[in-house]
Protein backbone atom coordinates (compact mmCIF):
# COMPACT_ATOMS: atom_id res chain seq x y z
CA MET A 1 0.00 0.00 0.00
CA SER A 2 1.45 3.38 -1.03
CA LEU A 3 1.75 6.41 1.22
CA VAL A 4 -0.97 8.10 -0.84
CA GLU A 5 -3.31 5.17 -0.18
CA ARG A 6 -2.46 5.40 3.51
CA GLU A 7 -3.43 9.10 3.33
CA ILE A 8 -0.05 10.27 4.62
CA ASP A 9 0.60 13.82 3.43
CA HIS A 10 4.18 13.68 2.13
CA ILE A 11 6.75 14.64 -0.49
CA PHE A 12 9.95 12.84 -1.48
CA LEU A 13 12.86 15.26 -1.49
CA HIS A 14 15.16 12.47 -2.68
CA TRP A 15 14.56 8.95 -3.91
CA PRO A 16 16.47 6.07 -5.51
CA GLY A 17 17.26 6.81 -9.14
CA ALA A 18 17.07 10.61 -8.85
CA GLU A 19 19.34 12.19 -11.47
CA VAL A 20 21.16 14.35 -8.89
CA ALA A 21 22.53 12.51 -5.88
CA TRP A 22 21.67 13.74 -2.40
CA PRO A 23 24.88 15.27 -1.03
CA SER A 24 24.74 13.59 2.39
CA GLY A 25 24.29 10.14 0.81
CA GLU A 26 20.81 9.09 1.94
CA ASP A 27 18.76 6.78 -0.27
CA VAL A 28 15.49 8.50 0.62
CA VAL A 29 14.70 11.92 2.17
CA LEU A 30 11.05 12.27 3.06
CA LEU A 31 9.03 15.20 4.42
CA VAL A 32 5.65 14.44 6.01
CA ALA A 33 2.89 16.45 7.66
CA ASP A 34 2.94 16.42 11.44
CA ASP A 35 -0.27 14.43 11.69
CA GLY A 36 1.23 11.66 9.54
CA LEU A 37 4.47 11.30 11.47
CA SER A 38 3.44 8.52 13.83
CA GLN A 39 1.94 6.44 11.02
CA MET A 40 5.03 6.97 8.87
CA ALA A 41 7.37 6.11 11.73
CA GLY A 42 5.51 2.82 12.16
CA LEU A 43 6.50 1.83 8.63
CA MET A 44 10.22 2.27 9.33
CA ARG A 45 12.82 0.21 11.18
CA SER A 46 15.69 1.53 13.28
CA ARG A 47 17.92 -1.38 12.25
CA ALA A 48 18.63 -2.02 8.59
CA ARG A 49 18.13 -5.37 6.93
CA PRO A 50 19.52 -6.52 3.60
CA GLY A 51 17.75 -4.67 0.80
CA ASP A 52 16.43 -1.85 3.02
CA LEU A 53 16.74 1.76 1.90
CA ARG A 54 18.28 4.31 4.24
CA CYS A 55 15.63 6.97 4.80
CA THR A 56 15.79 10.29 6.61
CA LEU A 57 12.38 11.41 7.84
CA TYR A 58 11.44 15.02 8.59
CA SER A 59 8.14 16.47 9.77
CA VAL A 60 6.84 19.92 8.91
CA GLY A 61 6.95 21.19 12.50
CA GLY A 62 10.16 19.44 13.49
CA LEU A 63 8.47 17.15 15.99
CA ARG A 64 10.67 15.03 18.22
CA GLY A 65 12.54 12.41 16.23
CA SER A 66 11.86 14.18 12.92
CA ASP A 67 13.73 17.44 13.49
CA ARG A 68 17.19 18.57 12.42
CA ASN A 69 19.46 19.99 15.08
CA GLY A 70 16.51 20.52 17.42
CA VAL A 71 14.41 22.60 15.01
CA ALA A 72 12.23 22.03 11.98
CA TYR A 73 14.30 20.94 8.97
CA LEU A 74 12.87 23.73 6.81
CA PRO A 75 10.88 26.89 7.57
CA VAL A 76 7.40 25.63 8.37
CA ARG A 77 5.62 27.69 5.73
CA ARG A 78 7.96 26.48 3.01
CA SER A 79 7.42 22.87 4.10
CA ARG A 80 3.67 23.31 3.89
CA GLU A 81 4.02 24.85 0.44
CA LEU A 82 6.05 21.83 -0.70
CA LEU A 83 3.28 19.49 0.45
CA ASP A 84 0.64 21.66 -1.20
CA THR A 85 2.34 21.42 -4.62
CA VAL A 86 2.08 17.63 -4.75
CA ARG A 87 -1.08 16.92 -2.76
CA ALA A 88 -3.20 16.48 -5.86
CA LYS A 89 -0.75 14.01 -7.40
CA GLN A 90 -0.89 10.27 -7.19
CA ALA A 91 2.16 8.27 -6.17
CA PRO A 92 4.99 8.96 -6.33
CA ARG A 93 4.93 12.52 -4.98
CA LEU A 94 8.37 13.82 -5.93
CA ALA A 95 9.90 17.26 -5.50
CA ASN A 96 10.98 19.00 -8.70
CA ASP A 97 14.52 20.21 -9.35
CA ALA A 98 13.85 23.80 -8.23
CA GLN A 99 12.36 22.60 -4.96
CA ARG A 100 15.26 20.24 -4.36
CA LEU A 101 17.70 23.07 -5.09
CA MET A 102 16.11 25.23 -2.37
CA VAL A 103 16.08 22.36 0.13
CA VAL A 104 19.73 21.35 -0.46
CA SER A 105 20.81 25.00 -0.29
CA ALA A 106 18.91 25.57 2.98
CA GLU A 107 20.47 22.45 4.49
CA ALA A 108 23.95 23.58 3.47
CA VAL A 109 23.58 27.16 4.69
CA TYR A 110 21.58 26.80 7.90
CA HIS A 111 22.30 23.30 9.18
CA LEU A 112 25.91 22.82 8.04
CA GLY A 113 27.60 26.10 7.17
CA LEU A 114 31.28 25.61 6.47
CA ALA A 115 30.89 21.88 7.14
CA SER A 116 29.09 21.70 3.78
CA GLY A 117 32.39 22.44 2.03
CA LEU A 118 31.04 25.69 0.58
CA PRO A 119 33.13 28.84 1.04
CA SER A 120 31.86 31.65 3.25
CA ASP A 121 32.01 34.25 0.48
CA ALA A 122 33.02 34.51 -3.15
CA ASP A 123 36.56 35.63 -2.28
CA ASP A 124 37.14 32.78 0.15
CA ASP A 125 39.52 30.18 -1.29
CA GLU A 126 39.09 27.73 1.59
CA GLY A 127 35.84 26.24 0.34
CA ASP A 128 35.73 23.04 -1.64
CA MET A 129 33.77 23.73 -4.81
CA ALA A 130 33.98 20.01 -5.58
CA SER A 131 32.20 19.10 -2.33
CA PRO A 132 28.99 17.05 -2.64
CA TYR A 133 26.89 20.10 -1.68
CA ALA A 134 28.57 22.42 -4.17
CA GLN A 135 28.17 19.77 -6.88
CA ALA A 136 24.52 19.06 -6.06
CA ILE A 137 23.60 22.77 -5.99
CA GLU A 138 25.39 23.40 -9.28
CA ASP A 139 23.78 20.37 -10.95
CA LEU A 140 20.27 21.14 -9.72
CA ASN A 141 20.57 24.79 -10.76
CA ALA A 142 21.79 23.74 -14.18
CA ARG A 143 18.70 21.54 -14.59
CA CYS A 144 16.12 24.10 -13.42
CA GLY A 145 17.81 27.42 -14.27
CA LEU A 146 16.52 29.06 -11.11
CA TRP A 147 19.65 31.18 -10.60
CA PRO A 148 22.30 32.51 -13.03
CA LEU A 149 24.47 29.64 -14.19
CA ALA A 150 27.70 31.64 -13.80
CA CYS A 151 27.04 32.20 -10.10
CA ARG A 152 29.70 30.94 -7.65
CA PHE A 153 27.64 29.43 -4.86
CA CYS A 154 29.08 30.53 -1.53
CA LEU A 155 27.26 30.60 1.82
CA ASP A 156 26.76 34.37 1.80
CA GLU A 157 25.31 34.31 -1.71
CA LEU A 158 23.00 31.38 -0.98
CA ASP A 159 21.81 32.95 2.28
CA ASP A 160 20.87 36.15 0.45
CA ARG A 161 19.01 34.22 -2.26
CA LEU A 162 17.20 32.02 0.28
CA ALA A 163 16.22 35.06 2.35
CA ALA A 164 14.86 36.83 -0.74
CA ALA A 165 12.72 33.76 -1.48
CA GLY A 166 11.46 33.48 2.12
CA TRP A 167 13.48 30.36 2.89
CA SER A 168 15.66 31.72 5.70
CA PRO A 169 14.59 30.98 9.29
CA PHE A 170 14.00 33.64 11.94
CA SER A 171 16.93 34.77 14.04
CA ASP A 172 15.74 32.69 17.02
CA THR A 173 16.07 29.55 14.92
CA MET A 174 19.40 30.61 13.49
CA LEU A 175 20.59 31.27 17.03
CA LYS A 176 19.81 27.67 17.96
CA LEU A 177 21.47 26.38 14.81
CA SER A 178 24.57 28.48 15.46
CA GLY A 179 25.47 25.96 18.16
CA VAL A 180 26.26 23.41 15.44
CA ASN A 181 26.91 25.92 12.66
CA PRO A 182 29.36 28.59 13.91
CA TRP A 183 29.21 30.38 10.55
CA LEU A 184 25.71 31.58 11.42
CA LYS A 185 27.07 33.55 14.39
CA THR A 186 28.84 35.88 12.00
CA ARG A 187 25.58 36.46 10.13
CA LEU A 188 23.66 37.11 13.33
CA GLN A 189 26.11 39.83 14.30
CA ASP A 190 24.82 41.88 11.38
CA PHE A 191 21.28 41.77 12.76
CA GLY A 192 19.73 44.02 15.35
CA GLN A 193 21.78 47.15 14.71
CA ASP A 194 18.64 49.29 15.10
CA SER A 195 17.10 47.38 18.01
CA VAL A 196 16.07 49.29 21.13
CA PRO A 197 17.81 48.08 24.32
CA GLY A 198 15.53 46.63 26.97
CA LEU A 199 12.80 45.28 24.72
CA ALA A 200 11.61 41.72 25.32
CA VAL A 201 8.61 39.69 24.19
CA TYR A 202 6.77 37.04 26.16
CA LEU A 203 4.46 34.81 24.14
CA ILE A 204 2.01 33.25 26.57
CA ARG A 205 0.91 29.86 25.30
CA GLU A 206 -2.59 28.46 25.56
CA ARG A 207 -1.95 26.63 28.84
CA GLY A 208 -0.81 29.89 30.43
CA LEU A 209 -3.82 32.05 29.57
CA ALA A 210 -5.65 31.34 32.83
CA HIS A 211 -2.67 32.82 34.72
CA LEU A 212 -2.24 36.06 32.77
CA ASP A 213 -2.81 38.39 35.72
CA ALA A 214 -0.29 36.51 37.85
CA LEU A 215 2.24 36.56 35.01
CA ARG A 216 1.83 40.31 34.60
CA GLY A 217 2.46 40.66 38.33
CA ILE A 218 5.74 38.74 38.03
CA LEU A 219 6.85 41.11 35.28
CA ALA A 220 6.02 44.18 37.37
CA ARG A 221 7.90 42.85 40.42
CA HIS A 222 11.05 42.46 38.33
CA GLY A 223 10.94 45.97 36.89
CA PHE A 224 9.40 45.23 33.48
CA ASP A 225 6.71 47.46 32.02
CA VAL A 226 4.27 46.10 29.46
CA LEU A 227 4.13 48.30 26.34
CA CYS A 228 1.87 46.06 24.27
CA ASP A 229 -0.63 43.56 25.65
CA VAL A 230 -2.76 41.87 22.99
CA PRO A 231 -4.39 38.46 22.51
CA ILE A 232 -3.50 36.33 19.51
CA ASP A 233 -6.77 35.11 18.02
CA GLY A 234 -7.26 31.54 16.90
CA ALA A 235 -6.85 32.22 13.20
CA HIS A 236 -3.59 34.07 13.78
CA ARG A 237 -2.05 31.56 16.17
CA ASP A 238 -1.06 29.09 13.46
CA ASP A 239 0.62 31.84 11.43
CA VAL A 240 2.59 33.04 14.45
CA ALA A 241 3.54 29.48 15.41
CA ASP A 242 4.85 28.79 11.90
CA LEU A 243 7.30 31.68 11.95
CA ILE A 244 8.55 31.74 15.54
CA ARG A 245 10.50 29.12 17.51
CA GLY A 246 11.38 27.25 14.37
CA GLY A 247 7.75 26.23 14.05
CA ASN A 248 8.20 23.72 16.86
CA TRP A 249 5.67 24.23 19.67
CA GLY A 250 5.76 20.68 20.98
CA ARG A 251 6.22 19.70 24.61
CA GLY A 252 10.03 19.90 24.53
CA PRO A 253 11.53 18.59 27.79
CA PHE A 254 8.16 18.84 29.58
CA PRO A 255 5.57 16.06 29.87
CA CYS A 256 2.93 18.15 28.06
CA SER A 257 2.86 20.89 25.44
CA GLY A 258 1.96 24.41 26.50
CA GLY A 259 -0.02 24.86 23.29
CA LEU A 260 0.24 27.50 20.60
CA PRO A 261 1.17 31.15 21.27
CA ALA A 262 -2.06 32.82 22.45
CA HIS A 263 -1.13 36.18 23.98
CA LEU A 264 1.55 38.77 23.29
CA LEU A 265 3.27 40.79 26.03
CA VAL A 266 5.85 43.25 24.73
CA THR A 267 7.86 44.47 27.71
CA HIS A 268 10.58 47.00 28.34
CA ASP A 269 13.31 47.06 30.96
CA VAL A 270 15.24 50.35 31.19
CA TYR A 271 18.02 48.65 33.14
CA PRO A 272 18.78 45.28 31.49
CA ASP A 273 20.89 42.80 33.42
CA ARG A 274 23.90 42.30 31.17
CA SER A 275 25.41 39.52 33.24
CA PRO A 276 25.45 36.04 31.66
CA SER A 277 22.17 34.24 32.28
CA LYS A 278 22.43 31.06 34.33
CA ALA A 279 18.99 29.89 33.23
CA SER A 280 18.67 26.61 31.39
CA GLY A 281 18.65 27.10 27.63
CA ALA A 282 19.91 30.69 27.71
CA SER A 283 22.25 31.49 24.81
CA GLU A 284 25.25 33.77 24.63
CA MET A 285 23.17 36.30 22.69
CA VAL A 286 20.83 36.95 25.62
CA ASP A 287 20.99 40.69 26.33
CA ASN A 288 19.03 40.68 29.61
CA ALA A 289 19.43 37.83 32.09
CA ARG A 290 16.36 39.11 33.94
CA VAL A 291 14.16 37.92 31.03
CA PHE A 292 15.04 34.30 31.76
CA THR A 293 14.67 34.76 35.51
CA VAL A 294 11.13 35.97 34.92
CA LYS A 295 10.39 33.15 32.48
CA GLU A 296 11.43 30.55 35.04
CA GLN A 297 9.12 32.13 37.62
CA MET A 298 6.27 32.16 35.10
CA ARG A 299 6.75 28.44 34.50
CA ARG A 300 6.67 27.72 38.21
CA GLN A 301 3.56 29.86 38.61
CA VAL A 302 1.61 27.95 35.96
CA ASN A 303 2.82 24.50 37.02
CA ARG A 304 2.36 25.07 40.74
CA GLY A 305 -0.15 22.75 42.35
CA ILE A 306 -0.62 20.37 39.41
CA PRO A 307 0.86 16.86 39.03
CA ALA A 308 4.35 16.71 37.57
CA SER A 309 3.00 14.56 34.74
CA GLN A 310 0.96 17.58 33.57
CA HIS A 311 3.71 20.19 33.70
CA CYS A 312 4.30 22.22 30.55
CA ASN A 313 6.20 25.19 29.19
CA PRO A 314 3.55 27.95 29.19
CA VAL A 315 5.68 30.79 27.85
CA HIS A 316 8.22 31.51 25.15
CA SER A 317 10.39 34.63 25.30
CA SER A 318 12.72 36.47 22.98
CA ASP A 319 16.45 36.13 23.68
CA ASN A 320 17.24 39.75 22.93
CA ALA A 321 15.83 43.05 21.69
CA MET A 322 16.43 42.08 18.08
CA GLN A 323 14.25 39.00 18.42
CA ALA A 324 11.64 40.99 20.31
CA MET A 325 11.26 43.32 17.33
CA GLU A 326 11.00 40.32 14.99
CA TYR A 327 8.29 38.75 17.13
CA LEU A 328 6.35 42.01 17.37
CA GLY A 329 6.59 42.36 13.60
CA VAL A 330 4.95 38.95 13.22
CA VAL A 331 2.20 39.26 15.82
CA ALA A 332 1.28 42.97 15.81
CA PRO A 333 3.27 44.90 13.18
CA GLU A 334 0.86 47.83 13.44
CA ARG A 335 2.12 48.46 16.99
CA MET A 336 5.81 48.52 16.06
CA GLU A 337 6.28 52.29 15.68
CA GLU A 338 4.39 53.08 18.88
CA VAL A 339 6.31 50.51 20.95
CA LEU A 340 9.74 51.54 19.69
CA ALA A 341 9.04 55.24 20.29
CA SER A 342 7.90 54.52 23.84
CA ALA A 343 10.95 52.35 24.59
CA ARG A 344 13.37 54.98 23.26
CA GLN A 345 11.70 57.71 25.31
CA ARG A 346 11.90 55.60 28.47
CA ASN A 347 15.59 54.85 27.90
CA GLU A 348 16.36 58.54 27.48
CA ALA A 349 14.51 59.41 30.70
CA PHE A 350 16.54 56.85 32.66
CA VAL A 351 19.95 58.30 31.78
CA THR A 352 21.94 59.33 34.88
CA PRO A 353 22.20 63.15 35.00
CA TYR A 354 25.78 63.19 36.37
CA PRO A 355 29.05 61.38 35.55
CA VAL A 356 28.94 57.84 36.95
CA LEU A 357 31.91 56.63 38.98
CA ALA A 358 30.53 53.20 39.92
CA ASP A 359 27.33 51.20 39.67
CA LEU A 360 26.18 50.10 43.13
CA SER A 361 22.87 48.56 42.05
CA LYS A 362 21.86 45.07 43.07
CA HIS A 363 18.54 44.01 41.54
CA ALA A 364 17.39 47.51 40.50
CA ARG A 365 13.74 46.49 40.35
CA ARG A 366 12.62 50.03 41.20
CA ALA A 367 15.75 52.15 40.79
CA LYS A 368 19.41 51.98 39.93
CA VAL A 369 21.94 53.23 42.47
CA GLU A 370 25.22 54.79 41.34
CA LEU A 371 28.20 56.59 42.78
CA ILE A 372 28.48 59.89 40.88
CA ASP A 373 30.60 63.00 40.56
CA PHE A 374 28.27 65.68 41.93
CA HIS A 375 29.86 69.04 41.21
CA GLY A 376 33.29 67.79 42.20
CA ARG A 377 32.29 65.66 45.19
CA GLN A 378 31.21 62.06 45.52
CA ALA A 379 27.49 61.49 45.96
CA ILE A 380 24.91 58.79 45.42
CA CYS A 381 22.36 59.04 42.61
CA LYS A 382 19.21 56.95 42.71
CA THR A 383 17.41 56.97 39.35
CA PHE A 384 13.92 55.51 39.40
CA ARG A 385 12.36 53.46 36.67
CA PRO A 386 9.46 55.04 34.76
CA GLY A 387 6.23 54.54 36.68
CA ARG A 388 8.06 54.11 40.02
CA GLU A 389 7.94 57.81 40.94
CA ARG A 390 5.92 56.99 44.06
CA PHE A 391 9.03 55.39 45.56
CA LEU A 392 10.96 58.61 44.92
CA GLU A 393 8.20 60.62 46.61
CA ARG A 394 8.39 58.37 49.69
CA GLU A 395 12.13 58.93 49.98
CA VAL A 396 11.53 62.70 49.95
CA LYS A 397 8.64 62.41 52.41
CA ALA A 398 10.78 60.38 54.81
CA ARG A 399 13.35 63.19 54.96
CA GLU A 400 10.65 65.79 55.58
CA LEU A 401 9.09 63.79 58.42
CA GLY A 402 12.41 62.67 59.88
CA SER A 403 14.37 65.93 59.63
CA THR A 404 15.01 65.89 63.39
CA LEU A 405 16.49 62.38 63.38
CA PRO A 406 20.31 62.27 63.06
CA GLU A 407 20.12 58.82 61.42
CA ILE A 408 18.32 60.05 58.29
CA SER A 409 20.58 60.28 55.23
CA GLN A 410 20.46 63.64 53.49
CA ILE A 411 19.14 64.46 50.00
CA LEU A 412 21.24 66.93 48.01
CA GLU A 413 19.05 67.26 44.90
CA VAL A 414 15.60 66.17 43.79
CA GLY A 415 15.04 65.60 40.06
CA PRO A 416 12.00 64.46 38.09
CA SER A 417 13.07 60.82 38.27
CA TYR A 418 16.21 60.85 40.40
CA LEU A 419 17.53 61.77 43.83
CA VAL A 420 21.07 62.72 44.79
CA PHE A 421 22.08 61.70 48.33
CA GLU A 422 25.04 62.55 50.45
CA TRP A 423 27.72 59.84 50.28
CA TYR A 424 28.77 58.13 53.51
CA GLU A 425 31.65 55.83 54.23
CA ASN A 426 30.26 52.51 55.38
CA SER A 427 32.05 50.79 58.26
CA LEU A 428 29.10 48.94 59.71
CA SER A 429 31.07 45.72 60.03
CA SER A 430 33.44 47.47 62.46
CA ILE A 431 30.68 47.93 65.05
CA LEU A 432 28.96 44.55 64.65
CA SER A 433 29.92 42.73 67.82
CA PRO A 434 29.86 40.13 69.28
CA LYS A 435 30.14 37.83 66.26
CA PRO A 436 28.80 34.27 66.54
CA LEU A 437 31.15 31.49 65.51
CA PHE A 438 30.67 30.17 61.95
CA TYR A 439 28.37 33.11 61.15
CA PRO A 440 28.92 35.72 58.43
CA HIS A 441 28.45 38.80 60.61
CA GLY A 442 28.19 40.09 64.15
CA LEU A 443 25.32 41.73 66.02
CA LEU A 444 24.30 45.36 66.07
CA PRO A 445 25.39 47.15 69.24
CA ILE A 446 22.56 47.71 71.69
CA TRP A 447 22.81 51.49 71.32
CA ALA A 448 22.21 51.10 67.55
CA ILE A 449 19.16 48.90 68.16
CA GLU A 450 17.79 51.56 70.49
CA ARG A 451 18.25 54.24 67.84
CA LEU A 452 16.49 52.13 65.21
CA ARG A 453 13.61 51.51 67.65
CA THR A 454 13.36 55.29 68.12
CA LEU A 455 13.29 55.83 64.36
CA ILE A 456 10.49 53.33 63.74
CA LEU A 457 8.46 54.75 66.61
CA HIS A 458 9.01 58.32 65.36
CA TYR A 459 7.33 57.54 62.04
CA ARG A 460 4.54 55.51 63.68
CA ARG A 461 3.63 58.48 65.85
CA LEU A 462 3.29 60.53 62.65
CA GLY A 463 1.03 57.86 61.12
CA TYR A 464 3.58 56.14 58.87
CA GLU A 465 4.86 52.57 58.68
CA CYS A 466 8.49 51.72 57.84
CA ILE A 467 7.56 48.78 55.63
CA ASP A 468 10.51 46.66 54.46
CA PHE A 469 12.91 48.50 56.79
CA ASN A 470 15.67 46.14 57.96
CA PRO A 471 19.37 46.18 58.91
CA HIS A 472 20.38 45.97 55.25
CA ASN A 473 19.24 49.60 55.00
CA VAL A 474 21.63 50.74 57.72
CA ILE A 475 25.22 51.94 57.33
CA TYR A 476 27.73 53.40 59.77
CA ASP A 477 29.98 56.34 58.93
CA PRO A 478 32.89 56.77 61.41
CA CYS A 479 32.44 60.55 61.28
CA LYS A 480 28.69 60.96 60.90
CA GLY A 481 27.43 57.92 62.73
CA LEU A 482 24.51 55.58 62.02
CA LYS A 483 22.56 56.33 58.83
CA VAL A 484 19.41 54.85 57.29
CA ILE A 485 19.44 54.96 53.49
CA ASP A 486 16.23 53.46 52.11
CA PHE A 487 12.63 54.55 52.67
CA GLU A 488 11.01 53.46 49.40
CA TYR A 489 8.24 51.60 51.23
CA LEU A 490 7.45 54.22 53.88
CA GLN A 491 3.64 54.44 53.65
CA PRO A 492 0.75 55.93 55.61
CA GLY A 493 -0.75 53.76 58.33
CA GLN A 494 -2.39 54.73 61.61
CA GLU A 495 -0.89 56.91 64.31
CA ARG A 496 0.52 54.63 67.02
CA ASP A 497 2.49 55.32 70.18
CA SER A 498 3.80 51.78 70.35
CA LEU A 499 6.14 49.51 68.40
CA GLU A 500 3.80 46.56 68.72
CA GLY A 501 2.45 45.57 65.34
CA ASN A 502 4.83 47.81 63.35
CA TYR A 503 5.30 46.67 59.75
CA ALA A 504 9.08 46.49 59.96
CA TRP A 505 8.89 43.65 62.49
CA TYR A 506 5.41 42.21 61.87
CA PRO A 507 3.94 40.83 58.63
CA VAL A 508 2.10 43.39 56.53
CA PRO A 509 -1.56 42.28 56.31
CA ASP A 510 -2.97 41.41 52.90
CA THR A 511 -5.62 44.09 53.40
CA PHE A 512 -3.02 46.87 53.41
CA PRO A 513 -3.90 49.18 50.48
CA GLY A 514 -0.35 50.17 49.48
CA ASP A 515 2.71 48.42 48.06
CA ILE A 516 3.64 45.23 49.89
CA PRO A 517 7.01 43.62 49.10
CA PRO A 518 6.79 39.81 49.38
CA THR A 519 9.65 39.72 51.90
CA THR A 520 7.49 41.50 54.50
CA GLN A 521 4.70 38.95 54.69
CA TYR A 522 6.48 36.04 56.31
CA ARG A 523 8.10 36.45 59.74
CA PRO A 524 10.14 39.57 58.89
CA TYR A 525 11.62 39.98 62.35
CA LEU A 526 12.78 36.38 62.65
CA ARG A 527 14.32 36.29 59.18
CA ARG A 528 15.77 39.79 58.86
CA TRP A 529 16.20 41.35 62.29
CA LEU A 530 16.97 38.58 64.78
CA PRO A 531 20.30 37.66 63.08
CA TYR A 532 21.41 41.27 63.68
CA THR A 533 19.82 42.03 67.06
CA GLY A 534 20.26 38.69 68.82
CA LEU A 535 17.13 39.59 70.78
CA PRO A 536 13.61 38.19 70.72
CA ARG A 537 11.17 40.66 69.18
CA PHE A 538 9.46 41.15 72.55
CA MET A 539 12.65 42.57 74.01
CA CYS A 540 12.89 45.14 71.21
CA LEU A 541 9.32 46.32 71.61
CA TYR A 542 9.93 47.77 75.06
CA SER A 543 12.75 49.36 77.01
CA PHE A 544 14.74 46.86 79.07
CA PRO A 545 17.91 47.42 81.12
CA ARG A 546 21.00 47.00 78.96
CA PRO A 547 22.61 44.40 81.28
CA LEU A 548 19.56 42.18 80.79
CA LEU A 549 19.74 42.60 77.01
CA VAL A 550 23.42 41.65 77.06
CA VAL A 551 22.67 38.41 78.93
CA VAL A 552 19.83 37.50 76.56
CA ARG A 553 22.05 38.17 73.52
CA TYR A 554 24.72 35.79 74.78
CA ILE A 555 22.09 33.09 75.16
CA THR A 556 20.94 33.79 71.60
CA LEU A 557 24.54 33.58 70.38
CA VAL A 558 24.60 29.92 71.35
CA GLY A 559 21.63 29.20 69.11
CA ILE A 560 23.04 31.24 66.21
CA THR A 561 26.41 29.46 66.54
CA LEU A 562 24.78 26.04 66.48
CA SER A 563 22.81 27.11 63.42
CA GLY A 564 26.07 28.13 61.73
CA ILE A 565 27.66 24.78 62.56
CA ARG A 566 24.71 22.90 61.07
CA ARG A 567 24.86 25.03 57.93
CA MET A 568 28.58 24.34 57.52
CA ALA A 569 28.00 20.63 58.00
CA ARG A 570 25.32 20.61 55.30
CA ARG A 571 27.62 22.43 52.89
CA ARG A 572 30.47 20.06 53.59
CA GLY A 573 28.16 17.09 53.04
CA ARG A 574 27.07 18.46 49.68
CA ARG A 575 30.66 19.04 48.60
CA MET A 576 31.69 15.53 49.64
CA SER A 577 28.77 14.06 47.71
CA GLY A 578 29.76 16.01 44.61
CA GLY A 579 26.91 18.50 44.84
CA SER A 580 27.02 22.25 44.78
CA ALA A 581 28.60 24.15 47.61
CA GLY A 582 25.26 25.95 47.55
CA GLY A 583 23.62 27.87 50.32
CA ALA A 584 24.49 31.49 49.68
CA VAL A 585 24.77 33.47 52.89
CA ARG A 586 21.30 34.69 53.64
CA HIS A 587 22.19 37.79 55.60
CA LYS A 588 24.53 40.13 53.74
CA LEU A 589 25.92 43.46 54.90
CA THR A 590 26.00 46.54 52.74
CA ASP A 591 29.46 47.54 51.52
CA GLY A 592 28.38 51.09 50.81
CA PHE A 593 25.36 53.19 50.14
CA GLY A 594 22.93 51.17 48.03
CA GLN A 595 24.89 47.91 48.05
CA GLY A 596 22.44 46.07 50.22
CA PRO A 597 19.21 44.64 48.78
CA ALA A 598 18.64 46.66 45.66
CA ALA A 599 15.82 49.00 44.94
């Protein structure tokens, strides 16, 4: 029974007896529709027997086991067109010479590169014009006359001709292929010259649609702003899927597929993280490691609470700004001009107004922090992301309300989106004593704890809560004393004449109408203050004699020391078992203004 009789949509790209040999030596090269792959695979054997023909099988969408280098063998639309041209024919359904020329050329350029034996350009003498690929391309072109016969077929020339005919893959696919075809990396370097830094696209797949609000929240928490937020309707989803991700939207390494791309989120980050991404699958062309951090959190959000056998990949993202523009051009080209103009404007507004001496930022989710030259003196500049002006206003308000407190760091200049602060030398580590054994830092002196208690109570009496305030926001200048440097989450509450229930030491209730950082909702005193005070929260709420506090702290030191010993033992066990040293120190001191937990 023939493949036509079995109703398998297919086309033979090469077959026994073809006038032009297939350059890689297969007997048969067959392309089938995705829905016919399983039936076709059932007709083949993995082990050859005498008289068998060696067949290479590809599917349109590059499904597992029928892909090439992890992607679809050919651009999906071109594969579908090949099947369309022969669908009305009876057996055998054979590709013509022009079609075979395009397929062999695409294989040589995108899957093999210099390994095909073709030179990089017309002036390159290193190529082997007698290689099987060069010979097959020349012979096929001579038979069909598709291109000028006098043409010297180099990779650059073929890439240009394939691109003009719509046979070149998108940059995301070429990026994947560059892992096995280094020549493509040189071509990719020519792309993206006009891209706008900070742009990224998240394509939410069908399985992720029910979680859209939560996914937007993850973006906001990491400093991304959504510039374009549009659904991809059913009729458009197939077109988008064909062009992006190499046309392969299968399950990948997950048990289930996330479905087709169903929603577009074009985002912008004015402060991209240029450090190498440690996320799985991140390539060297990633221009913002934060994109992959967010994508991992989105995956966990969607897969949380469901059986592992049902986990999927619910989101696909661009690797860089160049890809983001490509994706936007596919999904919503009418929004391109608007999005690019907005991104450029935001980047311009985020430029630091003074010469930068050093970048002190950590995560920079709300603002970047830099050491600057401020009219000939060192100062700290905090530049806030667009839309985060409320955090700037809180910093200013904190100085107005706390002008009588010596611990409040001083503002030198207020700009539309930035603040300039006085610079202080930070020697906090010099006053942290006693220090528990096997622990990364010592304890705040009791006098410092008393001053911080006074500060929190001062704002409570004025009707404000020092939300997210913790020892990471404290520095010590040998000349100017204790200073508090971060009030981004200072927000109105109720006037209180007591420390009990304050939002620096107690969880912020879900009913609070303002901004609530996640770190403040789970035992903030135990996790963030106790390692620096060495005192139970109760003993910080009220005034106790210092000798009593000293005794209690020494008792606490025993517990902290034992905790440090256990942590070291766990690390040593992991190292001995070949695992990661792991376990980054949880409590870190600031090394200077703004080098604690970032804005």
